[in-house]
């Protein structure tokens, strides 16, 4: 019988604790909030830095190609290369969920594959045409 009375006391104490209101946010909670705000500010600074670097790189590539008098296809491929490098980096910085990251990366990969596949097909397609002209 002695064990049952102790168990009843424990149940009453737990019941009293359950009925208590939740705790007021402590200083630790404030520190975590401050940490999250600083993390978002750092993410924004990093994203802006990547955008500036990407735009500067794109400007330099386009200026170089213009000075060389490059063909329009070369300009498209050069700018596509710069964007295919910087866009996924920016997406990785800004994505908050894995689904966002996966979808954006797949789309950018498809664009990069199209641009570079077109370049390879363009150089390979001219060779068989020349070989047909050489055969009698």
Protein backbone atom coordinates (compact mmCIF):
# COMPACT_ATOMS: atom_id res chain seq x y z
CA UNK A 1 0.00 0.00 0.00
CA UNK A 2 2.89 2.28 0.60
CA UNK A 3 3.91 2.21 -3.07
CA UNK A 4 0.47 3.22 -4.28
CA UNK A 5 0.42 6.37 -2.14
CA UNK A 6 3.82 7.44 -3.52
CA UNK A 7 2.58 6.86 -7.03
CA UNK A 8 -0.49 9.01 -6.34
CA UNK A 9 1.74 11.82 -5.05
CA UNK A 10 3.89 11.63 -8.18
CA UNK A 11 0.80 11.76 -10.39
CA UNK A 12 -0.48 14.85 -8.53
CA UNK A 13 2.88 16.62 -8.90
CA UNK A 14 3.01 15.89 -12.62
CA UNK A 15 -0.58 17.06 -13.01
CA UNK A 16 0.30 20.36 -11.33
CA UNK A 17 3.28 20.84 -13.68
CA UNK A 18 1.13 20.12 -16.76
CA UNK A 19 -1.36 22.77 -15.70
CA UNK A 20 1.31 25.48 -15.44
CA UNK A 21 1.46 28.12 -18.19
CA UNK A 22 4.28 27.98 -20.71
CA UNK A 23 7.48 29.78 -19.89
CA UNK A 24 8.14 33.31 -21.04
CA UNK A 25 10.87 33.47 -23.73
CA UNK A 26 14.24 33.63 -22.12
CA UNK A 27 17.44 35.34 -23.13
CA UNK A 28 18.46 32.18 -25.00
CA UNK A 29 15.40 32.53 -27.22
CA UNK A 30 16.33 36.16 -27.94
CA UNK A 31 19.86 35.11 -28.82
CA UNK A 32 18.54 32.55 -31.30
CA UNK A 33 16.29 35.15 -32.91
CA UNK A 34 19.20 37.56 -33.20
CA UNK A 35 21.30 34.76 -34.71
CA UNK A 36 18.63 34.00 -37.34
CA UNK A 37 18.35 37.69 -38.26
CA UNK A 38 22.11 37.97 -38.69
CA UNK A 39 22.13 34.77 -40.73
CA UNK A 40 19.52 36.21 -43.12
CA UNK A 41 21.45 39.48 -43.38
CA UNK A 42 24.62 37.54 -44.23
CA UNK A 43 22.72 35.48 -46.81
CA UNK A 44 21.47 38.67 -48.44
CA UNK A 45 24.99 40.17 -48.54
CA UNK A 46 26.38 36.96 -50.02
CA UNK A 47 23.63 36.80 -52.67
CA UNK A 48 24.21 40.44 -53.66
CA UNK A 49 27.96 39.79 -53.88
CA UNK A 50 27.42 36.78 -56.15
CA UNK A 51 25.04 38.82 -58.34
CA UNK A 52 27.55 41.66 -58.66
CA UNK A 53 30.36 39.25 -59.49
CA UNK A 54 28.19 37.49 -62.06
CA UNK A 55 27.18 40.75 -63.72
CA UNK A 56 30.80 41.94 -63.76
CA UNK A 57 31.91 38.64 -65.32
CA UNK A 58 29.12 38.80 -67.90
CA UNK A 59 30.09 42.38 -68.79
CA UNK A 60 33.76 41.43 -69.15
CA UNK A 61 32.98 38.40 -71.35
CA UNK A 62 30.63 40.39 -73.58
CA UNK A 63 33.11 43.29 -73.86
CA UNK A 64 35.89 40.87 -74.83
CA UNK A 65 33.72 39.10 -77.41
CA UNK A 66 32.63 42.44 -78.87
CA UNK A 67 36.24 43.61 -79.18
CA UNK A 68 37.08 40.40 -81.06
CA UNK A 69 34.07 40.74 -83.35
CA UNK A 70 32.68 37.35 -82.31
CA UNK A 71 29.77 35.66 -84.06
CA UNK A 72 26.33 35.87 -82.41
CA UNK A 73 26.42 32.15 -81.56
CA UNK A 74 29.68 32.68 -79.67
CA UNK A 75 28.18 35.59 -77.74
CA UNK A 76 25.19 33.43 -76.74
CA UNK A 77 27.47 30.57 -75.67
CA UNK A 78 29.81 32.90 -73.75
CA UNK A 79 27.02 34.60 -71.86
CA UNK A 80 25.32 31.23 -71.30
CA UNK A 81 28.52 29.88 -69.76
CA UNK A 82 28.74 32.78 -67.31
CA UNK A 83 25.08 32.46 -66.38
CA UNK A 84 25.30 28.66 -66.10
CA UNK A 85 28.07 29.10 -63.54
CA UNK A 86 26.65 31.91 -61.41
CA UNK A 87 22.93 31.05 -61.47
CA UNK A 88 23.24 27.71 -59.63
CA UNK A 89 25.50 29.31 -57.03
CA UNK A 90 22.88 31.99 -56.46
CA UNK A 91 20.11 29.41 -56.26
CA UNK A 92 22.05 27.42 -53.66
CA UNK A 93 22.48 30.55 -51.56
CA UNK A 94 18.84 31.62 -51.76
CA UNK A 95 17.04 28.24 -51.60
CA UNK A 96 15.49 27.45 -48.24
CA UNK A 97 14.05 24.01 -49.05
CA UNK A 98 15.53 21.03 -50.84
CA UNK A 99 12.62 20.96 -53.32
CA UNK A 100 13.37 24.51 -54.43
CA UNK A 101 17.03 23.67 -54.82
CA UNK A 102 16.38 20.51 -56.82
CA UNK A 103 13.90 22.07 -59.24
CA UNK A 104 16.02 25.15 -59.93
CA UNK A 105 19.18 23.10 -60.40
CA UNK A 106 17.44 20.79 -62.88
CA UNK A 107 16.16 23.71 -64.95
CA UNK A 108 19.58 25.39 -65.01
CA UNK A 109 21.21 22.07 -65.91
CA UNK A 110 18.81 21.65 -68.83
CA UNK A 111 19.64 25.13 -70.12
CA UNK A 112 23.37 24.52 -69.79
CA UNK A 113 23.03 21.15 -71.55
CA UNK A 114 21.12 22.76 -74.39
CA UNK A 115 23.69 25.53 -74.86
CA UNK A 116 26.73 23.27 -74.77
CA UNK A 117 25.05 20.46 -76.69
CA UNK A 118 24.22 22.93 -79.45
CA UNK A 119 27.87 24.00 -79.57
CA UNK A 120 29.13 20.42 -79.89
CA UNK A 121 26.51 19.48 -82.50
CA UNK A 122 27.29 22.62 -84.47
CA UNK A 123 30.99 21.78 -84.75
CA UNK A 124 30.34 18.07 -85.39
CA UNK A 125 27.62 18.66 -87.98
CA UNK A 126 29.89 20.61 -90.31
CA UNK A 127 32.41 17.78 -90.60
CA UNK A 128 30.06 15.15 -92.11
CA UNK A 129 28.77 17.73 -94.58
CA UNK A 130 32.34 18.33 -95.78
CA UNK A 131 32.97 14.57 -96.05
CA UNK A 132 29.89 14.13 -98.27
CA UNK A 133 31.19 16.76 -100.65
CA UNK A 134 34.56 14.96 -100.93
CA UNK A 135 33.13 11.55 -101.86
CA UNK A 136 32.46 10.99 -105.58
